[in-house]
């Protein structure tokens, strides 16, 4: 399974970005977005499960939305009202139906104040 991310960049505080993660193909338990800021551990941002349910980190609830396009095997993260503390490398993760974990290469999101 390969995960290809896109959509990161530099944005001003209050702005929006949309991240995309295209999977080469797998039946999954969930796909999600995680992020890692300098000097911090990688943390969950949002996940979407095969049945369609989602969960979010408290810090992004109401600002970020995870969605998917099954036909394109792609998961999206719409990020709005961005804050400087959202600055991090964002990674796409896929948890396969048999429990294997796959990560994308990461995409940088920088929010300037």
Protein backbone atom coordinates (compact mmCIF):
# COMPACT_ATOMS: atom_id res chain seq x y z
CA UNK A 1 0.00 0.00 0.00
CA UNK A 2 1.30 3.44 -0.88
CA UNK A 3 -0.06 6.69 0.46
CA UNK A 4 0.53 9.91 -1.46
CA UNK A 5 -0.20 13.14 0.33
CA UNK A 6 -0.63 16.60 -1.09
CA UNK A 7 -1.99 19.99 -0.17
CA UNK A 8 0.31 21.31 2.51
CA UNK A 9 1.77 24.78 2.43
CA UNK A 10 2.03 28.15 4.10
CA UNK A 11 -1.10 29.98 5.17
CA UNK A 12 -1.91 32.89 7.43
CA UNK A 13 -3.74 32.38 10.68
CA UNK A 14 -7.46 32.13 10.07
CA UNK A 15 -6.93 30.67 6.63
CA UNK A 16 -7.78 27.27 5.18
CA UNK A 17 -6.02 24.36 3.54
CA UNK A 18 -7.14 21.00 2.25
CA UNK A 19 -4.91 17.96 2.49
CA UNK A 20 -5.38 14.90 0.30
CA UNK A 21 -4.17 11.35 0.79
CA UNK A 22 -4.51 8.91 -2.07
CA UNK A 23 -4.13 5.21 -1.23
CA UNK A 24 -2.94 2.69 -3.80
CA UNK A 25 -5.58 0.32 -2.62
CA UNK A 26 -6.49 -1.57 0.50
CA UNK A 27 -9.44 -2.49 2.55
CA UNK A 28 -8.89 -0.57 5.72
CA UNK A 29 -10.13 -0.31 9.25
CA UNK A 30 -9.51 3.41 9.14
CA UNK A 31 -7.55 6.14 7.44
CA UNK A 32 -6.49 9.20 9.27
CA UNK A 33 -4.33 12.24 9.65
CA UNK A 34 -1.69 12.66 12.31
CA UNK A 35 0.69 15.54 12.86
CA UNK A 36 4.04 16.11 14.44
CA UNK A 37 5.36 19.48 15.47
CA UNK A 38 9.07 20.04 16.20
CA UNK A 39 10.01 18.57 19.54
CA UNK A 40 6.63 16.96 20.04
CA UNK A 41 5.23 13.49 19.61
CA UNK A 42 3.08 12.54 16.67
CA UNK A 43 -0.59 12.98 17.53
CA UNK A 44 -3.92 12.05 16.05
CA UNK A 45 -5.75 14.81 14.21
CA UNK A 46 -8.71 12.95 12.69
CA UNK A 47 -9.71 9.49 11.52
CA UNK A 48 -12.41 8.06 9.33
CA UNK A 49 -13.40 4.43 9.71
CA UNK A 50 -14.49 2.04 7.00
CA UNK A 51 -18.10 2.38 8.13
CA UNK A 52 -17.91 6.15 7.82
CA UNK A 53 -17.66 7.18 11.45
CA UNK A 54 -15.09 9.79 12.36
CA UNK A 55 -13.25 11.08 15.36
CA UNK A 56 -11.19 14.18 15.97
CA UNK A 57 -8.68 15.56 18.38
CA UNK A 58 -10.31 18.06 20.73
CA UNK A 59 -7.97 20.75 19.49
CA UNK A 60 -9.37 20.61 15.94
CA UNK A 61 -13.05 19.88 16.54
CA UNK A 62 -15.23 22.36 14.74
CA UNK A 63 -12.35 23.55 12.56
CA UNK A 64 -11.21 20.45 10.66
CA UNK A 65 -13.28 17.98 8.67
CA UNK A 66 -12.17 14.59 7.43
CA UNK A 67 -13.92 13.07 4.44
CA UNK A 68 -13.32 10.52 1.73
CA UNK A 69 -13.99 9.69 -1.87
CA UNK A 70 -14.25 5.91 -2.09
CA UNK A 71 -14.13 5.92 -5.88
CA UNK A 72 -10.74 7.64 -5.76
CA UNK A 73 -9.52 5.84 -2.63
CA UNK A 74 -8.71 9.26 -1.25
CA UNK A 75 -9.15 10.84 2.14
CA UNK A 76 -9.26 14.59 2.65
CA UNK A 77 -8.66 16.88 5.59
CA UNK A 78 -10.31 20.25 5.25
CA UNK A 79 -8.66 22.62 7.71
CA UNK A 80 -10.24 25.96 8.49
CA UNK A 81 -9.61 28.71 11.02
CA UNK A 82 -6.00 27.61 11.14
CA UNK A 83 -3.87 28.66 14.07
CA UNK A 84 -0.10 28.92 14.42
CA UNK A 85 -0.23 25.95 16.77
CA UNK A 86 -1.51 23.84 13.88
CA UNK A 87 1.93 24.13 12.30
CA UNK A 88 3.36 20.64 11.89
CA UNK A 89 4.17 17.91 9.43
CA UNK A 90 0.93 16.13 8.67
CA UNK A 91 1.02 12.41 7.97
CA UNK A 92 -1.60 10.19 6.44
CA UNK A 93 -2.06 6.78 8.03
CA UNK A 94 -3.88 3.69 6.88
CA UNK A 95 -4.70 0.81 9.19
CA UNK A 96 -5.44 -2.22 7.08
CA UNK A 97 -8.13 -4.76 7.77
CA UNK A 98 -5.48 -7.22 8.95
CA UNK A 99 -3.88 -4.69 11.25
CA UNK A 100 -0.92 -3.44 9.24
CA UNK A 101 -0.05 0.22 9.45
CA UNK A 102 1.07 2.38 6.55
CA UNK A 103 2.25 5.98 6.60
CA UNK A 104 2.57 8.64 3.97
CA UNK A 105 5.69 10.70 3.52
CA UNK A 106 4.28 13.73 5.32
CA UNK A 107 3.36 17.19 4.16
CA UNK A 108 4.34 20.42 5.88
CA UNK A 109 1.66 22.81 7.08
CA UNK A 110 2.87 26.18 8.33
CA UNK A 111 0.50 28.74 9.78
CA UNK A 112 1.89 32.22 10.21
CA UNK A 113 0.59 34.64 12.82
